[in-house]
Amino acid sequence: MALSDQLTKLSARVKELEDRAAEATTKAKNDLQKEVDDAREAAQAQGDALRKSAEASKGKISAWWDTVQSSWNEHLAEVRQNVRDKKAAHDVKEAQKAADQADDDASFAIDYAYAAVEEAEYAVLDAQLAHKEADDLAKS
C-alpha cells in the first residue's frame, strides 16, 4: 500500500474514533461494554497483524522500530492486565479511582498516538527524500 494510502486510512480511522468517542457518552452501559469488548478485540487483532508484519519485515525495517514494537507489546500486555485487575474491584471509591486512571490512560494513549503520527510524518518525508536522493544518484 502506498504511503499516501496508509495516511488516508489512518486519517479515516482517527475520524471514526472521534465520532465513536463522542457517541459513547450517550450510550447505555451494556451497549458501551459491547463496544469496549469489540474495540479490545480489534486492537488485539491489529496488534497481532502488526507483530506478524514486523516479523515478516525483519531486516527491512530498522532495529529501532523492532525495539519500539517489542516495547509496545509489553506495554499493551501490562495495560490489559491492569484493566482486568481493575474490573475485579467492586468498591465505589476504587471504581472512581479506576475511572479516573482510565481517563488518564486514555489521554496518554492519545498523546502517544499523536507522537506516533509525528514520527510517521518524519518517516514518510524521510522516505520521500531517500527516493529523491536515489533518483539523483541514478541520474549521475
N, C-alpha and C. Protein backbone atom coordinates (compact mmCIF):
# COMPACT_ATOMS: atom_id res chain seq x y z
N MET A 1 0.86 -1.17 0.00
CA MET A 1 0.00 0.00 0.00
C MET A 1 0.90 1.24 0.00
N ALA A 2 0.57 2.21 -0.81
CA ALA A 2 1.35 3.44 -0.89
C ALA A 2 1.26 4.20 0.43
N LEU A 3 2.30 4.94 0.73
CA LEU A 3 2.32 5.70 1.98
C LEU A 3 1.13 6.66 2.07
N SER A 4 0.79 7.31 0.95
CA SER A 4 -0.34 8.24 0.97
C SER A 4 -1.65 7.51 1.26
N ASP A 5 -1.79 6.28 0.76
CA ASP A 5 -2.99 5.48 1.05
C ASP A 5 -3.04 5.10 2.53
N GLN A 6 -1.88 4.77 3.09
CA GLN A 6 -1.83 4.44 4.52
C GLN A 6 -2.23 5.65 5.37
N LEU A 7 -1.77 6.84 4.96
CA LEU A 7 -2.12 8.06 5.71
C LEU A 7 -3.61 8.36 5.60
N THR A 8 -4.20 8.13 4.44
CA THR A 8 -5.64 8.33 4.26
C THR A 8 -6.41 7.37 5.15
N LYS A 9 -5.96 6.13 5.20
CA LYS A 9 -6.60 5.13 6.06
C LYS A 9 -6.49 5.53 7.53
N LEU A 10 -5.33 6.01 7.93
CA LEU A 10 -5.12 6.45 9.31
C LEU A 10 -6.04 7.62 9.64
N SER A 11 -6.14 8.57 8.75
CA SER A 11 -6.99 9.74 8.96
C SER A 11 -8.45 9.33 9.13
N ALA A 12 -8.92 8.44 8.29
CA ALA A 12 -10.30 7.97 8.37
C ALA A 12 -10.54 7.23 9.69
N ARG A 13 -9.56 6.47 10.14
CA ARG A 13 -9.70 5.72 11.39
C ARG A 13 -9.76 6.66 12.59
N VAL A 14 -8.95 7.72 12.55
CA VAL A 14 -8.97 8.70 13.64
C VAL A 14 -10.32 9.41 13.68
N LYS A 15 -10.88 9.74 12.52
CA LYS A 15 -12.20 10.38 12.48
C LYS A 15 -13.25 9.44 13.04
N GLU A 16 -13.17 8.16 12.71
CA GLU A 16 -14.10 7.17 13.25
C GLU A 16 -13.99 7.10 14.77
N LEU A 17 -12.77 7.11 15.28
CA LEU A 17 -12.56 7.10 16.73
C LEU A 17 -13.17 8.34 17.37
N GLU A 18 -12.95 9.49 16.77
CA GLU A 18 -13.50 10.73 17.31
C GLU A 18 -15.03 10.65 17.40
N ASP A 19 -15.66 10.15 16.35
CA ASP A 19 -17.12 10.02 16.34
C ASP A 19 -17.60 9.04 17.40
N ARG A 20 -16.94 7.90 17.50
CA ARG A 20 -17.35 6.87 18.48
C ARG A 20 -17.16 7.37 19.91
N ALA A 21 -16.09 8.11 20.15
CA ALA A 21 -15.85 8.63 21.50
C ALA A 21 -16.93 9.64 21.88
N ALA A 22 -17.34 10.47 20.93
CA ALA A 22 -18.39 11.45 21.21
C ALA A 22 -19.72 10.74 21.47
N GLU A 23 -20.01 9.69 20.72
CA GLU A 23 -21.26 8.95 20.90
C GLU A 23 -21.27 8.13 22.18
N ALA A 24 -20.11 7.76 22.67
CA ALA A 24 -20.02 6.88 23.84
C ALA A 24 -20.64 7.50 25.09
N THR A 25 -20.62 8.81 25.17
CA THR A 25 -21.16 9.46 26.37
C THR A 25 -22.67 9.30 26.50
N THR A 26 -23.35 8.97 25.41
CA THR A 26 -24.81 8.84 25.44
C THR A 26 -25.28 7.39 25.40
N LYS A 27 -24.34 6.47 25.34
CA LYS A 27 -24.71 5.05 25.23
C LYS A 27 -25.04 4.45 26.59
N ALA A 28 -25.90 3.45 26.55
CA ALA A 28 -26.20 2.67 27.75
C ALA A 28 -24.97 1.85 28.12
N LYS A 29 -24.84 1.55 29.40
CA LYS A 29 -23.66 0.83 29.89
C LYS A 29 -23.45 -0.49 29.14
N ASN A 30 -24.49 -1.28 28.95
CA ASN A 30 -24.35 -2.57 28.27
C ASN A 30 -23.91 -2.40 26.82
N ASP A 31 -24.46 -1.39 26.15
CA ASP A 31 -24.05 -1.12 24.76
C ASP A 31 -22.59 -0.69 24.71
N LEU A 32 -22.21 0.14 25.66
CA LEU A 32 -20.83 0.61 25.71
C LEU A 32 -19.88 -0.53 26.04
N GLN A 33 -20.30 -1.44 26.92
CA GLN A 33 -19.47 -2.60 27.24
C GLN A 33 -19.21 -3.43 25.99
N LYS A 34 -20.24 -3.60 25.16
CA LYS A 34 -20.08 -4.35 23.91
C LYS A 34 -19.06 -3.65 23.00
N GLU A 35 -19.15 -2.32 22.92
CA GLU A 35 -18.21 -1.57 22.09
C GLU A 35 -16.79 -1.67 22.64
N VAL A 36 -16.66 -1.64 23.96
CA VAL A 36 -15.34 -1.79 24.58
C VAL A 36 -14.76 -3.16 24.24
N ASP A 37 -15.58 -4.19 24.37
CA ASP A 37 -15.12 -5.55 24.04
C ASP A 37 -14.72 -5.65 22.57
N ASP A 38 -15.53 -5.08 21.69
CA ASP A 38 -15.21 -5.09 20.26
C ASP A 38 -13.92 -4.33 19.97
N ALA A 39 -13.76 -3.18 20.64
CA ALA A 39 -12.55 -2.37 20.43
C ALA A 39 -11.31 -3.11 20.93
N ARG A 40 -11.45 -3.81 22.06
CA ARG A 40 -10.33 -4.59 22.59
C ARG A 40 -9.94 -5.68 21.60
N GLU A 41 -10.94 -6.37 21.06
CA GLU A 41 -10.66 -7.43 20.08
C GLU A 41 -10.01 -6.86 18.82
N ALA A 42 -10.51 -5.72 18.37
CA ALA A 42 -9.94 -5.09 17.17
C ALA A 42 -8.50 -4.64 17.42
N ALA A 43 -8.26 -4.08 18.60
CA ALA A 43 -6.90 -3.65 18.95
C ALA A 43 -5.96 -4.84 19.02
N GLN A 44 -6.45 -5.93 19.60
CA GLN A 44 -5.65 -7.15 19.69
C GLN A 44 -5.33 -7.69 18.29
N ALA A 45 -6.34 -7.71 17.44
CA ALA A 45 -6.13 -8.20 16.07
C ALA A 45 -5.15 -7.30 15.32
N GLN A 46 -5.28 -5.99 15.49
CA GLN A 46 -4.36 -5.07 14.82
C GLN A 46 -2.95 -5.25 15.35
N GLY A 47 -2.82 -5.43 16.67
CA GLY A 47 -1.51 -5.68 17.26
C GLY A 47 -0.89 -6.97 16.75
N ASP A 48 -1.72 -8.01 16.65
CA ASP A 48 -1.23 -9.29 16.11
C ASP A 48 -0.77 -9.13 14.67
N ALA A 49 -1.56 -8.40 13.88
CA ALA A 49 -1.19 -8.17 12.48
C ALA A 49 0.10 -7.37 12.38
N LEU A 50 0.25 -6.38 13.26
CA LEU A 50 1.46 -5.57 13.25
C LEU A 50 2.67 -6.41 13.64
N ARG A 51 2.51 -7.28 14.64
CA ARG A 51 3.62 -8.16 15.03
C ARG A 51 4.02 -9.07 13.87
N LYS A 52 3.03 -9.64 13.19
CA LYS A 52 3.34 -10.52 12.05
C LYS A 52 4.04 -9.73 10.95
N SER A 53 3.56 -8.52 10.71
CA SER A 53 4.18 -7.67 9.70
C SER A 53 5.61 -7.34 10.07
N ALA A 54 5.84 -7.04 11.36
CA ALA A 54 7.19 -6.72 11.81
C ALA A 54 8.11 -7.93 11.67
N GLU A 55 7.58 -9.11 12.01
CA GLU A 55 8.38 -10.33 11.86
C GLU A 55 8.72 -10.59 10.40
N ALA A 56 7.76 -10.37 9.52
CA ALA A 56 7.99 -10.57 8.09
C ALA A 56 8.95 -9.53 7.52
N SER A 57 9.01 -8.38 8.20
CA SER A 57 9.85 -7.28 7.71
C SER A 57 11.23 -7.26 8.35
N LYS A 58 11.57 -8.29 9.14
CA LYS A 58 12.90 -8.33 9.77
C LYS A 58 13.95 -8.09 8.68
N GLY A 59 14.85 -7.19 8.97
CA GLY A 59 15.88 -6.86 8.00
C GLY A 59 15.46 -5.75 7.05
N LYS A 60 14.14 -5.51 6.95
CA LYS A 60 13.65 -4.43 6.09
C LYS A 60 13.43 -3.15 6.88
N ILE A 61 12.93 -3.31 8.12
CA ILE A 61 12.74 -2.14 8.96
C ILE A 61 13.92 -2.03 9.92
N SER A 62 14.15 -0.83 10.43
CA SER A 62 15.30 -0.62 11.30
C SER A 62 15.13 -1.34 12.62
N ALA A 63 16.25 -1.63 13.25
CA ALA A 63 16.23 -2.28 14.56
C ALA A 63 15.50 -1.41 15.57
N TRP A 64 15.56 -0.09 15.39
CA TRP A 64 14.87 0.82 16.31
C TRP A 64 13.38 0.53 16.31
N TRP A 65 12.77 0.36 15.12
CA TRP A 65 11.33 0.07 15.06
C TRP A 65 11.02 -1.29 15.67
N ASP A 66 11.94 -2.22 15.53
CA ASP A 66 11.74 -3.54 16.14
C ASP A 66 11.70 -3.40 17.66
N THR A 67 12.58 -2.57 18.21
CA THR A 67 12.60 -2.32 19.65
C THR A 67 11.32 -1.63 20.10
N VAL A 68 10.87 -0.66 19.33
CA VAL A 68 9.62 0.05 19.65
C VAL A 68 8.46 -0.94 19.67
N GLN A 69 8.41 -1.83 18.69
CA GLN A 69 7.34 -2.83 18.62
C GLN A 69 7.35 -3.73 19.85
N SER A 70 8.51 -4.19 20.24
CA SER A 70 8.61 -5.06 21.42
C SER A 70 8.16 -4.32 22.68
N SER A 71 8.60 -3.08 22.82
CA SER A 71 8.21 -2.28 23.97
C SER A 71 6.71 -2.04 23.99
N TRP A 72 6.14 -1.78 22.83
CA TRP A 72 4.69 -1.55 22.72
C TRP A 72 3.93 -2.81 23.11
N ASN A 73 4.38 -3.97 22.66
CA ASN A 73 3.72 -5.23 23.01
C ASN A 73 3.72 -5.45 24.52
N GLU A 74 4.85 -5.16 25.16
CA GLU A 74 4.94 -5.31 26.61
C GLU A 74 3.99 -4.34 27.31
N HIS A 75 3.95 -3.12 26.81
CA HIS A 75 3.06 -2.10 27.38
C HIS A 75 1.60 -2.54 27.28
N LEU A 76 1.20 -3.03 26.12
CA LEU A 76 -0.18 -3.47 25.94
C LEU A 76 -0.55 -4.60 26.87
N ALA A 77 0.36 -5.52 27.05
CA ALA A 77 0.10 -6.64 27.96
C ALA A 77 -0.12 -6.12 29.39
N GLU A 78 0.69 -5.16 29.82
CA GLU A 78 0.54 -4.58 31.15
C GLU A 78 -0.78 -3.83 31.28
N VAL A 79 -1.13 -3.05 30.26
CA VAL A 79 -2.39 -2.29 30.29
C VAL A 79 -3.57 -3.23 30.38
N ARG A 80 -3.56 -4.27 29.58
CA ARG A 80 -4.69 -5.21 29.58
C ARG A 80 -4.80 -5.92 30.93
N GLN A 81 -3.67 -6.27 31.53
CA GLN A 81 -3.71 -6.90 32.85
C GLN A 81 -4.25 -5.91 33.88
N ASN A 82 -3.83 -4.68 33.78
CA ASN A 82 -4.29 -3.64 34.69
C ASN A 82 -5.81 -3.46 34.58
N VAL A 83 -6.32 -3.46 33.36
CA VAL A 83 -7.77 -3.34 33.15
C VAL A 83 -8.50 -4.52 33.78
N ARG A 84 -7.98 -5.72 33.57
CA ARG A 84 -8.61 -6.90 34.16
C ARG A 84 -8.61 -6.81 35.69
N ASP A 85 -7.50 -6.36 36.25
CA ASP A 85 -7.41 -6.24 37.70
C ASP A 85 -8.42 -5.22 38.23
N LYS A 86 -8.56 -4.12 37.54
CA LYS A 86 -9.46 -3.06 38.00
C LYS A 86 -10.92 -3.48 37.89
N LYS A 87 -11.24 -4.30 36.92
CA LYS A 87 -12.62 -4.76 36.78
C LYS A 87 -13.03 -5.62 37.96
N ALA A 88 -12.05 -6.18 38.65
CA ALA A 88 -12.35 -7.02 39.80
C ALA A 88 -12.73 -6.17 41.02
N ALA A 89 -12.40 -4.90 41.01
CA ALA A 89 -12.71 -4.02 42.14
C ALA A 89 -14.20 -3.69 42.14
N HIS A 90 -14.84 -3.79 43.32
CA HIS A 90 -16.26 -3.52 43.42
C HIS A 90 -16.56 -2.32 44.32
N ASP A 91 -15.58 -1.83 45.03
CA ASP A 91 -15.73 -0.70 45.93
C ASP A 91 -15.95 0.58 45.11
N VAL A 92 -16.90 1.43 45.52
CA VAL A 92 -17.22 2.66 44.79
C VAL A 92 -16.00 3.57 44.69
N LYS A 93 -15.29 3.72 45.78
CA LYS A 93 -14.10 4.57 45.78
C LYS A 93 -13.06 4.03 44.80
N GLU A 94 -12.87 2.73 44.84
CA GLU A 94 -11.92 2.09 43.93
C GLU A 94 -12.39 2.21 42.48
N ALA A 95 -13.70 2.08 42.28
CA ALA A 95 -14.24 2.20 40.92
C ALA A 95 -14.02 3.61 40.38
N GLN A 96 -14.22 4.64 41.21
CA GLN A 96 -13.99 6.02 40.77
C GLN A 96 -12.51 6.25 40.48
N LYS A 97 -11.67 5.71 41.35
CA LYS A 97 -10.22 5.83 41.13
C LYS A 97 -9.83 5.15 39.81
N ALA A 98 -10.42 3.98 39.56
CA ALA A 98 -10.14 3.26 38.31
C ALA A 98 -10.64 4.06 37.10
N ALA A 99 -11.81 4.70 37.24
CA ALA A 99 -12.34 5.52 36.15
C ALA A 99 -11.43 6.71 35.87
N ASP A 100 -10.95 7.36 36.94
CA ASP A 100 -10.03 8.49 36.77
C ASP A 100 -8.73 8.04 36.10
N GLN A 101 -8.23 6.89 36.52
CA GLN A 101 -7.00 6.40 35.91
C GLN A 101 -7.25 6.00 34.46
N ALA A 102 -8.44 5.47 34.16
CA ALA A 102 -8.77 5.13 32.77
C ALA A 102 -8.77 6.40 31.91
N ASP A 103 -9.28 7.51 32.47
CA ASP A 103 -9.22 8.79 31.76
C ASP A 103 -7.77 9.18 31.48
N ASP A 104 -6.94 9.07 32.51
CA ASP A 104 -5.53 9.42 32.35
C ASP A 104 -4.85 8.52 31.33
N ASP A 105 -5.17 7.22 31.38
CA ASP A 105 -4.59 6.27 30.42
C ASP A 105 -5.03 6.61 29.00
N ALA A 106 -6.31 6.94 28.83
CA ALA A 106 -6.81 7.29 27.50
C ALA A 106 -6.13 8.56 27.00
N SER A 107 -5.97 9.54 27.88
CA SER A 107 -5.30 10.78 27.49
C SER A 107 -3.86 10.51 27.06
N PHE A 108 -3.17 9.66 27.83
CA PHE A 108 -1.80 9.33 27.47
C PHE A 108 -1.74 8.56 26.16
N ALA A 109 -2.69 7.64 25.96
CA ALA A 109 -2.73 6.88 24.70
C ALA A 109 -2.92 7.81 23.51
N ILE A 110 -3.75 8.84 23.69
CA ILE A 110 -3.95 9.81 22.61
C ILE A 110 -2.65 10.58 22.36
N ASP A 111 -2.00 11.02 23.44
CA ASP A 111 -0.72 11.72 23.28
C ASP A 111 0.31 10.82 22.61
N TYR A 112 0.32 9.56 22.98
CA TYR A 112 1.25 8.60 22.39
C TYR A 112 0.97 8.43 20.89
N ALA A 113 -0.32 8.32 20.57
CA ALA A 113 -0.71 8.18 19.16
C ALA A 113 -0.31 9.43 18.38
N TYR A 114 -0.49 10.59 19.00
CA TYR A 114 -0.11 11.84 18.33
C TYR A 114 1.40 11.85 18.05
N ALA A 115 2.17 11.42 19.04
CA ALA A 115 3.62 11.34 18.85
C ALA A 115 3.96 10.34 17.75
N ALA A 116 3.20 9.24 17.70
CA ALA A 116 3.43 8.25 16.63
C ALA A 116 3.13 8.84 15.26
N VAL A 117 2.10 9.67 15.19
CA VAL A 117 1.77 10.33 13.91
C VAL A 117 2.90 11.30 13.54
N GLU A 118 3.43 12.03 14.52
CA GLU A 118 4.56 12.92 14.25
C GLU A 118 5.74 12.11 13.72
N GLU A 119 6.01 10.97 14.36
CA GLU A 119 7.10 10.12 13.90
C GLU A 119 6.83 9.57 12.51
N ALA A 120 5.57 9.23 12.24
CA ALA A 120 5.20 8.74 10.91
C ALA A 120 5.42 9.83 9.87
N GLU A 121 5.09 11.07 10.23
CA GLU A 121 5.33 12.18 9.29
C GLU A 121 6.81 12.27 8.93
N TYR A 122 7.64 12.23 9.96
CA TYR A 122 9.08 12.27 9.72
C TYR A 122 9.51 11.10 8.83
N ALA A 123 9.02 9.90 9.14
CA ALA A 123 9.42 8.70 8.38
C ALA A 123 8.97 8.79 6.92
N VAL A 124 7.74 9.28 6.69
CA VAL A 124 7.23 9.40 5.32
C VAL A 124 8.06 10.41 4.53
N LEU A 125 8.30 11.57 5.15
CA LEU A 125 9.08 12.60 4.45
C LEU A 125 10.52 12.14 4.22
N ASP A 126 11.08 11.44 5.20
CA ASP A 126 12.44 10.91 5.05
C ASP A 126 12.48 9.87 3.93
N ALA A 127 11.45 9.04 3.83
CA ALA A 127 11.39 8.05 2.75
C ALA A 127 11.33 8.73 1.39
N GLN A 128 10.53 9.80 1.29
CA GLN A 128 10.43 10.53 0.03
C GLN A 128 11.78 11.15 -0.34
N LEU A 129 12.46 11.72 0.67
CA LEU A 129 13.78 12.30 0.43
C LEU A 129 14.76 11.22 -0.02
N ALA A 130 14.72 10.05 0.58
CA ALA A 130 15.60 8.95 0.20
C ALA A 130 15.37 8.54 -1.25
N HIS A 131 14.10 8.53 -1.67
CA HIS A 131 13.80 8.20 -3.08
C HIS A 131 14.37 9.26 -4.02
N LYS A 132 14.24 10.53 -3.65
CA LYS A 132 14.78 11.60 -4.49
C LYS A 132 16.30 11.53 -4.56
N GLU A 133 16.94 11.24 -3.44
CA GLU A 133 18.40 11.10 -3.43
C GLU A 133 18.82 9.92 -4.29
N ALA A 134 18.08 8.81 -4.24
CA ALA A 134 18.39 7.65 -5.07
C ALA A 134 18.21 7.99 -6.54
N ASP A 135 17.14 8.74 -6.85
CA ASP A 135 16.91 9.16 -8.24
C ASP A 135 18.03 10.05 -8.75
N ASP A 136 18.49 10.98 -7.89
CA ASP A 136 19.59 11.86 -8.28
C ASP A 136 20.86 11.07 -8.54
N LEU A 137 21.14 10.10 -7.68
CA LEU A 137 22.34 9.27 -7.87
C LEU A 137 22.23 8.43 -9.14
N ALA A 138 21.02 7.97 -9.44
CA ALA A 138 20.82 7.17 -10.65
C ALA A 138 21.03 8.00 -11.92
N LYS A 139 20.73 9.28 -11.84
CA LYS A 139 20.89 10.17 -13.00
C LYS A 139 22.35 10.54 -13.23
N SER A 140 23.18 10.49 -12.18
CA SER A 140 24.57 10.91 -12.36
C SER A 140 25.51 9.76 -12.57
